[in-house]
Protein backbone atom coordinates (compact mmCIF):
# COMPACT_ATOMS: atom_id res chain seq x y z
CA MET A 1 156.08 72.04 87.36
CA THR A 2 156.36 68.96 89.36
CA CYS A 3 155.46 65.64 87.47
CA GLU A 4 152.89 63.36 89.11
CA ALA A 5 155.73 60.69 89.65
CA CYS A 6 157.70 62.95 91.75
CA ARG A 7 154.72 63.75 93.79
CA THR A 8 154.04 60.20 95.09
CA ILE A 9 155.99 58.40 97.57
CA PRO A 10 158.61 55.73 96.53
CA PRO A 11 157.64 52.08 96.59
CA VAL A 12 156.79 50.72 100.08
CA VAL A 13 158.36 47.63 101.06
CA ALA A 14 156.22 45.28 103.10
CA GLU A 15 159.04 42.84 104.33
CA GLY A 16 162.69 43.01 104.92
CA TYR A 17 162.86 46.88 104.52
CA THR A 18 166.46 48.35 104.85
CA PRO A 19 166.36 51.96 106.34
CA LYS A 20 168.23 54.43 104.21
CA GLY A 21 169.43 56.64 106.91
CA THR A 22 172.18 56.68 109.53
CA TYR A 23 172.28 57.21 113.31
CA GLU A 24 173.86 59.98 115.08
CA GLY A 25 173.78 61.39 118.71
CA VAL A 26 172.13 64.93 118.34
CA ALA A 27 171.08 66.99 121.22
CA GLY A 28 171.50 63.93 123.65
CA LEU A 29 169.42 61.73 121.79
CA ASN A 30 170.26 58.82 119.39
CA THR A 31 168.67 60.17 116.18
CA TYR A 32 167.87 58.50 112.92
CA ILE A 33 168.78 60.96 110.13
CA THR A 34 167.52 60.48 106.54
CA GLY A 35 167.34 62.71 103.55
CA SER A 36 169.59 65.36 102.36
CA GLN A 37 171.74 66.87 105.11
CA ASP A 38 171.93 70.08 103.21
CA ALA A 39 168.39 70.39 102.55
CA ALA A 40 166.41 73.74 102.97
CA TYR A 41 163.76 71.93 104.99
CA GLY A 42 163.87 69.94 108.05
CA LEU A 43 161.02 67.75 109.68
CA ILE A 44 161.23 66.19 112.99
CA ASP A 45 159.24 62.86 113.13
CA ILE A 46 158.27 61.75 116.69
CA HIS A 47 157.74 57.91 116.93
CA ASP A 48 154.87 56.22 118.86
CA ILE A 49 155.31 54.30 122.21
CA PHE A 50 156.87 51.31 120.31
CA GLY A 51 160.13 53.38 119.38
CA LEU A 52 162.07 53.37 116.19
CA SER A 53 160.06 50.65 114.48
CA ASN A 54 160.94 49.77 110.73
CA GLN A 55 157.51 50.87 109.58
CA THR A 56 158.06 54.25 111.20
CA LEU A 57 161.66 54.67 109.88
CA GLN A 58 160.33 53.72 106.62
CA GLY A 59 157.73 56.62 106.73
CA ALA A 60 160.52 58.93 107.52
CA ASP A 61 162.38 57.89 104.39
CA LEU A 62 159.43 58.39 102.37
CA LEU A 63 158.79 61.87 103.78
CA ALA A 64 162.49 62.75 103.17
CA ALA A 65 162.21 61.58 99.54
CA ARG A 66 159.01 63.39 98.87
CA LEU A 67 159.98 66.64 100.50
CA ASN A 68 163.55 66.72 99.60
CA ALA A 69 164.09 67.40 103.38
CA VAL A 70 166.16 66.16 106.09
CA VAL A 71 164.12 64.18 108.51
CA LEU A 72 164.84 63.44 112.16
CA VAL A 73 163.56 60.73 114.39
CA PRO A 74 165.07 61.33 117.71
CA ASP A 75 164.86 58.13 120.20
CA TYR A 76 163.01 59.73 123.11
CA PHE A 77 163.01 56.44 124.92
CA HIS A 78 166.78 55.86 124.94
CA GLY A 79 166.54 52.26 123.41
CA ASP A 80 163.58 51.15 125.55
CA LYS A 81 160.00 50.86 124.14
CA ALA A 82 156.59 49.64 125.02
CA ASP A 83 156.19 46.06 124.64
CA PRO A 84 153.15 45.26 122.00
CA SER A 85 152.03 42.32 124.33
CA TRP A 86 150.85 44.97 126.73
CA LEU A 87 148.17 46.11 124.58
CA PRO A 88 145.27 45.88 125.09
CA PRO A 89 146.13 46.50 128.75
CA ASP A 90 143.35 43.98 129.72
CA THR A 91 145.03 42.46 132.78
CA PRO A 92 146.20 44.19 136.00
CA GLU A 93 149.82 43.12 134.96
CA LYS A 94 149.52 44.75 131.49
CA GLN A 95 148.09 47.95 132.95
CA GLU A 96 150.87 48.06 135.55
CA ALA A 97 153.55 47.57 132.91
CA LEU A 98 151.95 50.22 130.55
CA THR A 99 151.36 52.74 133.28
CA LYS A 100 154.99 52.45 134.65
CA PHE A 101 156.36 52.94 131.02
CA ILE A 102 154.44 55.85 130.40
CA SER A 103 155.15 57.48 133.65
CA THR A 104 158.82 56.81 133.49
CA ARG A 105 159.54 57.06 129.89
CA ALA A 106 156.70 58.62 127.97
CA SER A 107 155.95 61.83 129.61
CA CYS A 108 154.57 64.20 127.10
CA PRO A 109 155.52 67.40 128.79
CA ASP A 110 158.85 66.16 129.44
CA ALA A 111 159.38 65.31 125.86
CA VAL A 112 158.18 68.58 124.57
CA LYS A 113 160.96 70.18 126.93
CA VAL A 114 163.62 68.01 125.38
CA LEU A 115 162.23 68.83 121.78
CA GLU A 116 162.27 72.53 122.48
CA ALA A 117 165.86 72.30 123.87
CA ALA A 118 167.01 70.29 120.89
CA VAL A 119 165.85 72.87 118.06
CA PRO A 120 169.03 75.05 118.55
CA VAL A 121 171.14 72.22 118.24
CA TYR A 122 169.36 71.13 115.09
CA ARG A 123 169.85 74.48 113.78
CA GLU A 124 173.47 74.46 114.30
CA ARG A 125 173.94 70.86 112.92
CA PHE A 126 171.88 71.48 109.73
CA PRO A 127 172.69 75.22 109.04
CA SER A 128 171.09 75.10 105.61
CA VAL A 129 167.60 74.23 106.88
CA GLN A 130 165.58 77.42 106.82
CA ALA A 131 162.41 76.03 108.09
CA TRP A 132 161.44 73.30 110.57
CA ALA A 133 158.35 71.35 111.16
CA VAL A 134 157.33 68.66 113.33
CA THR A 135 154.85 65.69 113.23
CA GLY A 136 154.14 62.69 115.42
CA LEU A 137 152.69 59.53 115.62
CA CYS A 138 150.13 58.42 118.39
CA TRP A 139 152.08 59.45 121.50
CA GLY A 140 154.52 61.52 119.25
CA GLY A 141 151.32 63.57 117.99
CA LYS A 142 150.61 64.65 121.45
CA VAL A 143 154.21 65.88 121.97
CA ALA A 144 153.96 67.62 118.34
CA VAL A 145 150.64 69.64 119.11
CA LEU A 146 151.81 70.44 122.51
CA ALA A 147 154.96 72.13 120.93
CA SER A 148 152.77 74.06 118.42
CA GLY A 149 151.64 76.93 120.88
CA PRO A 150 152.95 80.35 121.47
CA ASP A 151 156.61 80.79 120.74
CA THR A 152 156.82 77.58 118.68
CA PRO A 153 159.67 77.26 116.54
CA PHE A 154 157.90 75.29 113.86
CA ILE A 155 156.17 76.70 110.78
CA ALA A 156 153.73 73.72 110.66
CA SER A 157 153.02 70.61 112.72
CA GLY A 158 150.78 67.22 112.51
CA GLN A 159 149.46 64.31 114.41
CA VAL A 160 148.74 60.84 112.94
CA HIS A 161 146.20 58.55 114.81
CA PRO A 162 146.84 60.83 117.84
CA GLY A 163 147.35 59.55 121.32
CA ARG A 164 145.42 61.24 124.23
CA MET A 165 143.78 63.84 122.13
CA ASP A 166 142.25 66.66 123.93
CA ALA A 167 140.06 69.45 122.29
CA ALA A 168 142.02 71.94 124.56
CA ASP A 169 145.33 71.46 122.57
CA ALA A 170 143.69 72.64 119.49
CA GLN A 171 142.92 75.94 121.21
CA ARG A 172 146.57 76.63 121.87
CA LEU A 173 147.72 76.10 118.03
CA THR A 174 149.60 78.96 116.64
CA ILE A 175 150.59 77.19 113.39
CA PRO A 176 149.03 75.12 110.65
CA HIS A 177 148.31 71.83 111.85
CA ILE A 178 147.16 68.48 110.21
CA VAL A 179 145.51 65.52 111.92
CA LEU A 180 145.12 62.18 110.30
CA ALA A 181 142.86 60.27 112.71
CA SER A 182 141.95 56.54 112.65
CA LYS A 183 138.36 54.97 113.51
CA ASP A 184 139.45 54.47 116.92
CA GLU A 185 140.10 58.14 118.02
CA PRO A 186 137.18 59.79 119.73
CA ALA A 187 135.03 61.28 117.09
CA GLU A 188 133.81 64.16 119.21
CA VAL A 189 137.51 65.35 119.87
CA VAL A 190 138.28 64.98 116.28
CA GLU A 191 135.32 67.07 115.43
CA ALA A 192 136.33 69.73 117.80
CA TYR A 193 139.94 69.91 116.25
CA ALA A 194 138.33 70.25 113.07
CA LYS A 195 136.15 73.17 114.24
CA THR A 196 139.03 75.03 115.83
CA ILE A 197 141.31 74.63 112.96
CA ALA A 198 138.57 75.82 110.55
CA GLU A 199 137.89 78.85 112.65
CA ASN A 200 141.37 79.77 113.73
CA GLY A 201 142.41 80.89 110.17
CA LEU A 202 146.00 79.39 110.60
CA GLY A 203 145.46 76.64 108.08
CA GLY A 204 145.28 73.16 108.46
CA HIS A 205 143.46 69.77 107.79
CA VAL A 206 141.62 67.24 109.89
CA GLU A 207 140.54 63.77 108.32
CA THR A 208 139.54 60.37 109.58
CA TYR A 209 140.61 57.27 107.79
CA SER A 210 137.42 55.41 108.45
CA THR A 211 138.65 52.06 107.91
CA MET A 212 142.09 52.22 109.50
CA TRP A 213 142.97 51.46 113.10
CA HIS A 214 144.95 53.44 115.67
CA GLY A 215 148.65 53.00 114.51
CA TRP A 216 148.10 52.18 110.88
CA MET A 217 151.14 54.52 109.69
CA GLY A 218 153.41 53.73 112.68
CA ALA A 219 154.63 50.59 114.61
CA ARG A 220 151.28 48.69 113.84
CA ALA A 221 151.23 49.34 110.05
CA ASN A 222 150.26 46.12 108.25
CA LEU A 223 152.30 46.62 104.88
CA GLU A 224 150.95 43.31 103.63
CA GLY A 225 147.37 44.07 103.45
CA GLU A 226 146.23 45.61 100.14
CA GLU A 227 143.99 48.17 101.80
CA SER A 228 146.10 49.11 104.68
CA LEU A 229 149.04 49.46 102.44
CA ALA A 230 147.24 51.66 100.19
CA GLU A 231 146.17 53.95 103.11
CA TYR A 232 149.76 54.05 104.65
CA LYS A 233 150.91 55.33 101.11
CA ARG A 234 147.90 57.84 101.04
CA GLY A 235 148.83 59.08 104.57
CA TYR A 236 152.26 59.66 103.91
CA ASN A 237 151.47 61.42 100.50
CA GLN A 238 148.97 63.66 102.59
CA LEU A 239 151.66 64.41 105.22
CA ALA A 240 153.95 65.24 102.35
CA ASP A 241 151.60 67.69 100.48
CA PHE A 242 150.75 69.42 103.73
CA PHE A 243 154.27 70.30 104.77
CA GLU A 244 155.40 70.99 101.22
CA LYS A 245 152.73 73.73 101.06
CA TYR A 246 154.09 75.44 104.09
CA PHE A 247 157.80 74.81 103.44
CA GLN A 248 157.36 76.49 100.08
CA GLY A 249 155.68 79.44 101.56
CA LYS A 250 158.82 79.94 103.73
CA VAL A 251 161.62 79.02 101.41
CA GLY A 252 161.90 80.58 98.34
CA GLY A 253 158.88 79.14 96.75
CA ALA A 254 160.71 76.80 94.53
CA LYS A 255 158.77 73.63 93.50
CA ILE A 256 159.97 70.30 94.48
């Protein structure tokens, strides 16, 4: 049996965090790699529009430690990223800059193609991994759900404070899926996801963190606030619990 201490994420560092992983070019993308590289489990963690932020990398390190998995965070924007000053896009200049970035760097369908093409490379690079899953933050959550339809290579997937939520995406799911929404996502779409996941028999979970904002587990995480730090921890523990369940169902059933 797993002790309770092993079932909670390591301490979260609010300031001055030093990522534990390394960088390597994999499948054409500079990729942050953390965790055991001979693990039986592999998780692809897709960043938000702000790229490989410290809060996102710390989250990947937490998942790797909790799951005893190798976790990959590929840089889909090739070193570029959205400027936080563009949000909210409340001037024509900000709107233009954000729209240009999304159209040139952050196409979700294009990212799905890149992800799907990368999976055979990941399998070759990490031959010990017997099961792969995928999750994403904001923009990355949209990519993750779009990669969860028919013929998906993943055993489970997830979205955290999802961007561009569309109830139709839930209808295409073919694997267990978790949604951790903030108070800022459209409630009717979150409810539609919950209804679909409850009815499709695949397994999954939908929950709204009612006091948290869009981005509380990604680049806009506030790790100095008592409540937001607690909810950041809770969210990553919840993701780990979810993926652990489906990894264990595919890989020997050994308890972490």
